[in-house]
Amino acid sequence: MAVKRYDPKLVVLTVAGRRVTGFGDDAMMSLEYAQDGVTVATGVDGEKTYNLIHDFGATLNVTLKQNSDSVPFMDSLIKHHRINGNALFAVVMRDLNNGKVLRSNDCVVMSRPPYAYGKEVGDWQYGIYMPFTRDDAAAVIDFGLTFIL
């Protein structure tokens, strides 16, 4: 049985061209798609139809330590959007452990963390909406085939 290696430092998040650092204790980020990619419609006779959903929107939840150098940057993106109403930016997440790349343009910070202060540094979570989340331009499938998306 092969032993696998995972290094969280090899997961790189870039927001608006800037590398995000200072992630939380237990989590860095999680991505949740707005909808499933396929739904199933079943006719009265039991025949199935797969409906392809073309909504690639997703929310990227980024967990930062409250004293992270990236917190003021994330707050500035929120402030800039509230002032100008058009502060959209690109997000790229690269996992160099396995080659996975997720990206989207026209992103916006949707949610800010509740600011909490205690005796120890806490984690704050920002929600970034990624409207056109896509895997990298060339997805290599286990069969060794390459598809251009």
N, C-alpha and C. Protein backbone atom coordinates (compact mmCIF):
# COMPACT_ATOMS: atom_id res chain seq x y z
N MET A 1 0.84 -1.18 0.00
CA MET A 1 0.00 0.00 0.00
C MET A 1 0.89 1.24 0.00
N ALA A 2 0.61 2.16 -0.90
CA ALA A 2 1.40 3.38 -1.02
C ALA A 2 1.01 4.39 0.05
N VAL A 3 1.99 5.11 0.53
CA VAL A 3 1.75 6.18 1.49
C VAL A 3 1.64 7.48 0.70
N LYS A 4 0.59 8.24 0.95
CA LYS A 4 0.36 9.51 0.26
C LYS A 4 0.85 10.65 1.13
N ARG A 5 1.18 11.74 0.48
CA ARG A 5 1.68 12.92 1.17
C ARG A 5 0.76 14.10 0.88
N TYR A 6 0.48 14.90 1.89
CA TYR A 6 -0.31 16.12 1.73
C TYR A 6 0.37 17.22 2.52
N ASP A 7 0.57 18.37 1.87
CA ASP A 7 1.19 19.51 2.53
C ASP A 7 0.28 20.72 2.32
N PRO A 8 -0.34 21.24 3.39
CA PRO A 8 -1.25 22.37 3.23
C PRO A 8 -0.57 23.62 2.68
N LYS A 9 0.74 23.71 2.83
CA LYS A 9 1.46 24.87 2.28
C LYS A 9 1.51 24.84 0.75
N LEU A 10 1.16 23.69 0.18
CA LEU A 10 1.14 23.58 -1.28
C LEU A 10 -0.24 23.91 -1.86
N VAL A 11 -1.16 24.36 -1.02
CA VAL A 11 -2.46 24.85 -1.49
C VAL A 11 -2.37 26.38 -1.48
N VAL A 12 -2.43 26.95 -2.68
CA VAL A 12 -2.20 28.39 -2.85
C VAL A 12 -3.49 29.05 -3.29
N LEU A 13 -3.91 30.08 -2.53
CA LEU A 13 -5.10 30.85 -2.89
C LEU A 13 -4.67 32.26 -3.27
N THR A 14 -5.11 32.68 -4.45
CA THR A 14 -4.83 34.03 -4.92
C THR A 14 -6.16 34.74 -5.11
N VAL A 15 -6.31 35.89 -4.47
CA VAL A 15 -7.52 36.70 -4.55
C VAL A 15 -7.13 38.07 -5.07
N ALA A 16 -7.72 38.48 -6.18
CA ALA A 16 -7.42 39.78 -6.79
C ALA A 16 -5.92 39.95 -7.02
N GLY A 17 -5.26 38.87 -7.41
CA GLY A 17 -3.83 38.92 -7.72
C GLY A 17 -2.91 38.84 -6.52
N ARG A 18 -3.46 38.70 -5.33
CA ARG A 18 -2.64 38.67 -4.12
C ARG A 18 -2.78 37.30 -3.44
N ARG A 19 -1.65 36.74 -3.02
CA ARG A 19 -1.66 35.46 -2.32
C ARG A 19 -2.20 35.65 -0.91
N VAL A 20 -3.17 34.81 -0.55
CA VAL A 20 -3.78 34.86 0.77
C VAL A 20 -2.96 33.99 1.71
N THR A 21 -2.66 34.52 2.89
CA THR A 21 -1.87 33.80 3.90
C THR A 21 -2.54 33.97 5.26
N GLY A 22 -2.06 33.22 6.23
CA GLY A 22 -2.56 33.35 7.60
C GLY A 22 -3.87 32.63 7.83
N PHE A 23 -3.95 31.39 7.33
CA PHE A 23 -5.19 30.61 7.46
C PHE A 23 -5.42 30.18 8.90
N GLY A 24 -6.65 29.72 9.16
CA GLY A 24 -7.07 29.32 10.50
C GLY A 24 -6.36 28.07 10.98
N ASP A 25 -6.67 27.71 12.24
CA ASP A 25 -6.03 26.56 12.89
C ASP A 25 -6.36 25.24 12.21
N ASP A 26 -7.64 25.01 11.95
CA ASP A 26 -8.07 23.71 11.45
C ASP A 26 -8.52 23.72 10.00
N ALA A 27 -8.79 24.88 9.46
CA ALA A 27 -9.33 24.94 8.11
C ALA A 27 -8.68 26.08 7.34
N MET A 28 -8.57 25.87 6.03
CA MET A 28 -8.09 26.93 5.15
C MET A 28 -9.26 27.49 4.35
N MET A 29 -9.91 26.59 3.62
CA MET A 29 -11.02 27.01 2.79
C MET A 29 -11.88 25.81 2.43
N SER A 30 -13.10 26.10 2.03
CA SER A 30 -13.99 25.07 1.51
C SER A 30 -14.81 25.70 0.40
N LEU A 31 -15.16 24.89 -0.59
CA LEU A 31 -15.92 25.37 -1.74
C LEU A 31 -17.23 24.61 -1.80
N GLU A 32 -18.32 25.35 -1.91
CA GLU A 32 -19.64 24.73 -2.00
C GLU A 32 -20.36 25.30 -3.22
N TYR A 33 -20.68 24.40 -4.15
CA TYR A 33 -21.39 24.83 -5.36
C TYR A 33 -22.82 25.23 -5.01
N ALA A 34 -23.35 26.20 -5.75
CA ALA A 34 -24.71 26.69 -5.52
C ALA A 34 -25.75 25.63 -5.85
N GLN A 35 -25.48 24.81 -6.87
CA GLN A 35 -26.41 23.78 -7.30
C GLN A 35 -25.65 22.53 -7.69
N ASP A 36 -26.37 21.42 -7.71
CA ASP A 36 -25.80 20.20 -8.26
C ASP A 36 -25.61 20.40 -9.76
N GLY A 37 -24.68 19.69 -10.35
CA GLY A 37 -24.41 19.81 -11.78
C GLY A 37 -25.42 19.10 -12.66
N VAL A 38 -26.15 18.16 -12.07
CA VAL A 38 -27.14 17.38 -12.81
C VAL A 38 -28.35 17.15 -11.91
N THR A 39 -29.53 17.28 -12.49
CA THR A 39 -30.74 16.86 -11.79
C THR A 39 -31.39 15.75 -12.62
N VAL A 40 -32.26 14.98 -11.98
CA VAL A 40 -32.91 13.86 -12.65
C VAL A 40 -34.42 14.12 -12.68
N ALA A 41 -35.00 13.99 -13.87
CA ALA A 41 -36.46 14.07 -14.01
C ALA A 41 -36.95 12.67 -14.35
N THR A 42 -37.95 12.21 -13.61
CA THR A 42 -38.50 10.88 -13.84
C THR A 42 -39.93 11.01 -14.35
N GLY A 43 -40.19 10.43 -15.51
CA GLY A 43 -41.55 10.43 -16.07
C GLY A 43 -42.45 9.47 -15.32
N VAL A 44 -43.75 9.56 -15.56
CA VAL A 44 -44.70 8.69 -14.88
C VAL A 44 -44.47 7.22 -15.22
N ASP A 45 -43.82 6.98 -16.39
CA ASP A 45 -43.52 5.61 -16.77
C ASP A 45 -42.18 5.13 -16.24
N GLY A 46 -41.49 6.00 -15.45
CA GLY A 46 -40.21 5.61 -14.86
C GLY A 46 -39.00 5.97 -15.70
N GLU A 47 -39.19 6.49 -16.90
CA GLU A 47 -38.06 6.87 -17.75
C GLU A 47 -37.34 8.07 -17.13
N LYS A 48 -36.04 8.00 -17.14
CA LYS A 48 -35.21 9.04 -16.52
C LYS A 48 -34.62 9.97 -17.58
N THR A 49 -34.52 11.23 -17.22
CA THR A 49 -33.84 12.22 -18.04
C THR A 49 -32.89 12.99 -17.14
N TYR A 50 -31.64 13.09 -17.57
CA TYR A 50 -30.66 13.88 -16.84
C TYR A 50 -30.67 15.31 -17.39
N ASN A 51 -30.88 16.26 -16.49
CA ASN A 51 -30.86 17.68 -16.86
C ASN A 51 -29.52 18.26 -16.44
N LEU A 52 -28.76 18.77 -17.39
CA LEU A 52 -27.48 19.38 -17.08
C LEU A 52 -27.72 20.82 -16.62
N ILE A 53 -27.17 21.15 -15.47
CA ILE A 53 -27.33 22.49 -14.90
C ILE A 53 -26.06 23.27 -15.21
N HIS A 54 -26.21 24.42 -15.81
CA HIS A 54 -25.05 25.20 -16.24
C HIS A 54 -24.77 26.39 -15.31
N ASP A 55 -25.11 26.23 -14.05
CA ASP A 55 -24.79 27.23 -13.04
C ASP A 55 -23.53 26.76 -12.33
N PHE A 56 -22.42 27.41 -12.63
CA PHE A 56 -21.14 27.03 -12.04
C PHE A 56 -20.78 27.92 -10.85
N GLY A 57 -21.78 28.63 -10.32
CA GLY A 57 -21.54 29.48 -9.17
C GLY A 57 -21.24 28.67 -7.92
N ALA A 58 -20.36 29.20 -7.10
CA ALA A 58 -19.98 28.53 -5.86
C ALA A 58 -19.55 29.58 -4.83
N THR A 59 -19.63 29.20 -3.57
CA THR A 59 -19.13 30.05 -2.50
C THR A 59 -17.86 29.42 -1.94
N LEU A 60 -16.80 30.20 -1.93
CA LEU A 60 -15.53 29.79 -1.35
C LEU A 60 -15.46 30.40 0.04
N ASN A 61 -15.48 29.56 1.07
CA ASN A 61 -15.36 30.03 2.45
C ASN A 61 -13.90 29.96 2.85
N VAL A 62 -13.33 31.13 3.12
CA VAL A 62 -11.91 31.24 3.46
C VAL A 62 -11.79 31.53 4.95
N THR A 63 -11.08 30.68 5.67
CA THR A 63 -10.91 30.83 7.11
C THR A 63 -9.52 31.38 7.40
N LEU A 64 -9.49 32.55 8.04
CA LEU A 64 -8.23 33.22 8.38
C LEU A 64 -8.13 33.42 9.88
N LYS A 65 -6.90 33.42 10.39
CA LYS A 65 -6.69 33.85 11.77
C LYS A 65 -7.02 35.34 11.81
N GLN A 66 -7.56 35.79 12.93
CA GLN A 66 -7.98 37.18 13.01
C GLN A 66 -6.80 38.16 12.88
N ASN A 67 -5.58 37.70 13.12
CA ASN A 67 -4.41 38.58 12.98
C ASN A 67 -3.65 38.32 11.67
N SER A 68 -4.28 37.63 10.74
CA SER A 68 -3.66 37.35 9.44
C SER A 68 -3.43 38.65 8.67
N ASP A 69 -2.33 38.71 7.94
CA ASP A 69 -2.06 39.87 7.08
C ASP A 69 -3.10 39.99 5.98
N SER A 70 -3.84 38.92 5.71
CA SER A 70 -4.85 38.96 4.65
C SER A 70 -6.19 39.54 5.11
N VAL A 71 -6.41 39.67 6.42
CA VAL A 71 -7.68 40.22 6.92
C VAL A 71 -7.89 41.66 6.45
N PRO A 72 -6.92 42.57 6.62
CA PRO A 72 -7.14 43.94 6.12
C PRO A 72 -7.38 43.98 4.61
N PHE A 73 -6.72 43.10 3.88
CA PHE A 73 -6.92 43.04 2.44
C PHE A 73 -8.35 42.62 2.10
N MET A 74 -8.85 41.57 2.76
CA MET A 74 -10.22 41.12 2.52
C MET A 74 -11.22 42.22 2.91
N ASP A 75 -10.96 42.88 4.03
CA ASP A 75 -11.84 43.98 4.46
C ASP A 75 -11.83 45.12 3.44
N SER A 76 -10.66 45.36 2.83
CA SER A 76 -10.58 46.43 1.83
C SER A 76 -11.38 46.08 0.58
N LEU A 77 -11.44 44.79 0.22
CA LEU A 77 -12.26 44.38 -0.92
C LEU A 77 -13.74 44.63 -0.64
N ILE A 78 -14.17 44.34 0.59
CA ILE A 78 -15.56 44.60 0.98
C ILE A 78 -15.85 46.10 0.92
N LYS A 79 -14.97 46.88 1.50
CA LYS A 79 -15.16 48.33 1.54
C LYS A 79 -15.18 48.91 0.12
N HIS A 80 -14.27 48.48 -0.71
CA HIS A 80 -14.19 48.98 -2.08
C HIS A 80 -15.47 48.66 -2.85
N HIS A 81 -16.00 47.46 -2.65
CA HIS A 81 -17.23 47.08 -3.34
C HIS A 81 -18.42 47.92 -2.85
N ARG A 82 -18.47 48.18 -1.56
CA ARG A 82 -19.59 48.98 -1.03
C ARG A 82 -19.52 50.41 -1.52
N ILE A 83 -18.33 50.95 -1.70
CA ILE A 83 -18.18 52.33 -2.17
C ILE A 83 -18.43 52.42 -3.67
N ASN A 84 -17.85 51.52 -4.44
CA ASN A 84 -17.90 51.62 -5.90
C ASN A 84 -18.96 50.72 -6.53
N GLY A 85 -19.35 49.67 -5.84
CA GLY A 85 -20.36 48.77 -6.37
C GLY A 85 -19.90 47.86 -7.49
N ASN A 86 -18.64 47.94 -7.84
CA ASN A 86 -18.15 47.12 -8.95
C ASN A 86 -16.76 46.55 -8.69
N ALA A 87 -16.46 46.25 -7.45
CA ALA A 87 -15.13 45.75 -7.10
C ALA A 87 -15.07 44.25 -7.32
N LEU A 88 -15.09 43.82 -8.58
CA LEU A 88 -15.02 42.40 -8.90
C LEU A 88 -13.58 42.01 -9.14
N PHE A 89 -13.26 40.77 -8.83
CA PHE A 89 -11.87 40.32 -8.92
C PHE A 89 -11.82 38.84 -9.28
N ALA A 90 -10.63 38.38 -9.62
CA ALA A 90 -10.41 36.97 -9.95
C ALA A 90 -9.94 36.21 -8.71
N VAL A 91 -10.30 34.93 -8.66
CA VAL A 91 -9.85 34.02 -7.60
C VAL A 91 -9.28 32.78 -8.27
N VAL A 92 -8.10 32.36 -7.80
CA VAL A 92 -7.48 31.12 -8.28
C VAL A 92 -7.01 30.33 -7.07
N MET A 93 -7.43 29.06 -6.99
CA MET A 93 -6.95 28.15 -5.96
C MET A 93 -6.19 27.03 -6.66
N ARG A 94 -4.92 26.89 -6.28
CA ARG A 94 -4.07 25.84 -6.86
C ARG A 94 -3.66 24.88 -5.74
N ASP A 95 -3.97 23.61 -5.93
CA ASP A 95 -3.52 22.58 -5.01
C ASP A 95 -2.37 21.86 -5.68
N LEU A 96 -1.15 22.22 -5.29
CA LEU A 96 0.04 21.64 -5.90
C LEU A 96 0.29 20.21 -5.44
N ASN A 97 -0.49 19.74 -4.46
CA ASN A 97 -0.39 18.35 -4.03
C ASN A 97 -0.93 17.41 -5.11
N ASN A 98 -1.99 17.85 -5.80
CA ASN A 98 -2.63 16.96 -6.77
C ASN A 98 -2.88 17.63 -8.13
N GLY A 99 -2.46 18.88 -8.29
CA GLY A 99 -2.60 19.56 -9.56
C GLY A 99 -3.96 20.21 -9.79
N LYS A 100 -4.87 20.15 -8.83
CA LYS A 100 -6.20 20.73 -9.00
C LYS A 100 -6.12 22.25 -9.00
N VAL A 101 -6.84 22.85 -9.94
CA VAL A 101 -6.91 24.31 -10.02
C VAL A 101 -8.38 24.69 -10.19
N LEU A 102 -8.85 25.59 -9.34
CA LEU A 102 -10.19 26.17 -9.46
C LEU A 102 -10.03 27.66 -9.66
N ARG A 103 -10.86 28.21 -10.56
CA ARG A 103 -10.72 29.64 -10.83
C ARG A 103 -12.06 30.24 -11.22
N SER A 104 -12.17 31.55 -11.04
CA SER A 104 -13.33 32.29 -11.50
C SER A 104 -12.97 33.76 -11.59
N ASN A 105 -13.57 34.43 -12.55
CA ASN A 105 -13.51 35.89 -12.63
C ASN A 105 -14.79 36.46 -12.04
N ASP A 106 -14.84 37.77 -11.91
CA ASP A 106 -16.03 38.49 -11.45
C ASP A 106 -16.50 38.05 -10.07
N CYS A 107 -15.57 37.79 -9.17
CA CYS A 107 -15.89 37.36 -7.80
C CYS A 107 -16.13 38.57 -6.90
N VAL A 108 -16.80 38.32 -5.80
CA VAL A 108 -17.06 39.37 -4.82
C VAL A 108 -17.11 38.73 -3.42
N VAL A 109 -16.67 39.49 -2.41
CA VAL A 109 -16.78 39.01 -1.03
C VAL A 109 -18.23 39.22 -0.60
N MET A 110 -18.93 38.12 -0.36
CA MET A 110 -20.34 38.18 0.01
C MET A 110 -20.56 38.33 1.50
N SER A 111 -19.72 37.69 2.28
CA SER A 111 -19.96 37.72 3.73
C SER A 111 -18.66 37.95 4.48
N ARG A 112 -18.79 38.72 5.51
CA ARG A 112 -17.66 38.97 6.40
C ARG A 112 -17.90 38.25 7.71
N PRO A 113 -16.84 37.99 8.44
CA PRO A 113 -17.01 37.26 9.70
C PRO A 113 -17.59 38.15 10.79
N PRO A 114 -18.23 37.53 11.78
CA PRO A 114 -18.56 38.30 12.97
C PRO A 114 -17.25 38.54 13.72
N TYR A 115 -16.94 39.77 13.98
CA TYR A 115 -15.68 40.07 14.65
C TYR A 115 -15.80 39.72 16.13
N ALA A 116 -15.00 38.77 16.57
CA ALA A 116 -15.02 38.32 17.96
C ALA A 116 -13.60 38.41 18.51
N TYR A 117 -13.51 38.85 19.74
CA TYR A 117 -12.21 38.98 20.40
C TYR A 117 -12.26 38.25 21.72
N GLY A 118 -11.22 37.48 22.01
CA GLY A 118 -11.16 36.72 23.25
C GLY A 118 -9.75 36.67 23.77
N LYS A 119 -9.49 35.71 24.66
CA LYS A 119 -8.15 35.62 25.25
C LYS A 119 -7.14 35.01 24.29
N GLU A 120 -7.62 34.32 23.25
CA GLU A 120 -6.74 33.75 22.24
C GLU A 120 -7.19 34.21 20.85
N VAL A 121 -6.25 34.17 19.93
CA VAL A 121 -6.57 34.55 18.56
C VAL A 121 -7.62 33.59 17.99
N GLY A 122 -8.60 34.14 17.30
CA GLY A 122 -9.67 33.32 16.75
C GLY A 122 -9.59 33.21 15.24
N ASP A 123 -10.50 32.44 14.67
CA ASP A 123 -10.60 32.29 13.22
C ASP A 123 -11.77 33.10 12.71
N TRP A 124 -11.57 33.77 11.58
CA TRP A 124 -12.61 34.54 10.93
C TRP A 124 -12.82 33.96 9.54
N GLN A 125 -14.07 33.87 9.12
CA GLN A 125 -14.38 33.26 7.82
C GLN A 125 -15.03 34.28 6.89
N TYR A 126 -14.48 34.38 5.69
CA TYR A 126 -15.00 35.23 4.64
C TYR A 126 -15.62 34.36 3.55
N GLY A 127 -16.77 34.77 3.04
CA GLY A 127 -17.43 34.04 1.95
C GLY A 127 -17.24 34.79 0.64
N ILE A 128 -16.58 34.16 -0.31
CA ILE A 128 -16.35 34.76 -1.63
C ILE A 128 -17.23 34.03 -2.64
N TYR A 129 -18.06 34.79 -3.35
CA TYR A 129 -18.89 34.18 -4.39
C TYR A 129 -18.10 34.13 -5.69
N MET A 130 -18.03 32.93 -6.26
CA MET A 130 -17.31 32.69 -7.52
C MET A 130 -18.36 32.31 -8.57
N PRO A 131 -18.79 33.24 -9.44
CA PRO A 131 -19.92 32.97 -10.33
C PRO A 131 -19.64 31.98 -11.45
N PHE A 132 -18.40 31.84 -11.85
CA PHE A 132 -18.07 30.98 -13.00
C PHE A 132 -16.99 29.98 -12.63
N THR A 133 -17.16 29.28 -11.52
CA THR A 133 -16.13 28.38 -11.02
C THR A 133 -15.86 27.27 -12.04
N ARG A 134 -14.60 27.15 -12.42
CA ARG A 134 -14.18 26.13 -13.38
C ARG A 134 -12.91 25.47 -12.88
N ASP A 135 -12.78 24.20 -13.27
CA ASP A 135 -11.50 23.53 -13.06
C ASP A 135 -10.52 24.13 -14.05
N ASP A 136 -9.25 23.78 -13.90
CA ASP A 136 -8.24 24.34 -14.77
C ASP A 136 -8.55 24.07 -16.24
N ALA A 137 -7.88 24.79 -17.14
CA ALA A 137 -8.18 24.75 -18.57
C ALA A 137 -8.02 23.36 -19.16
N ALA A 138 -7.10 22.59 -18.66
CA ALA A 138 -6.92 21.22 -19.16
C ALA A 138 -7.08 20.26 -18.00
N ALA A 139 -8.12 19.44 -18.07
CA ALA A 139 -8.37 18.48 -17.00
C ALA A 139 -7.85 17.11 -17.45
N VAL A 140 -6.93 16.57 -16.68
CA VAL A 140 -6.38 15.26 -17.02
C VAL A 140 -7.20 14.20 -16.29
N ILE A 141 -7.79 13.31 -17.05
CA ILE A 141 -8.63 12.24 -16.51
C ILE A 141 -7.75 11.02 -16.24
N ASP A 142 -8.15 10.18 -15.32
CA ASP A 142 -7.37 9.02 -14.93
C ASP A 142 -6.97 8.14 -16.11
N PHE A 143 -7.73 8.18 -17.19
CA PHE A 143 -7.43 7.35 -18.35
C PHE A 143 -6.26 7.90 -19.17
N GLY A 144 -5.71 9.04 -18.73
CA GLY A 144 -4.60 9.65 -19.46
C GLY A 144 -5.07 10.53 -20.60
N LEU A 145 -6.36 10.78 -20.71
CA LEU A 145 -6.90 11.63 -21.76
C LEU A 145 -6.94 13.07 -21.27
N THR A 146 -6.71 14.01 -22.16
CA THR A 146 -6.77 15.42 -21.80
C THR A 146 -7.92 16.06 -22.57
N PHE A 147 -8.77 16.77 -21.83
CA PHE A 147 -9.90 17.48 -22.42
C PHE A 147 -9.70 18.95 -22.20
N ILE A 148 -9.91 19.75 -23.20
CA ILE A 148 -9.85 21.19 -23.07
C ILE A 148 -11.26 21.68 -22.76
N LEU A 149 -11.40 22.34 -21.61
CA LEU A 149 -12.73 22.81 -21.19
C LEU A 149 -12.98 24.20 -21.72
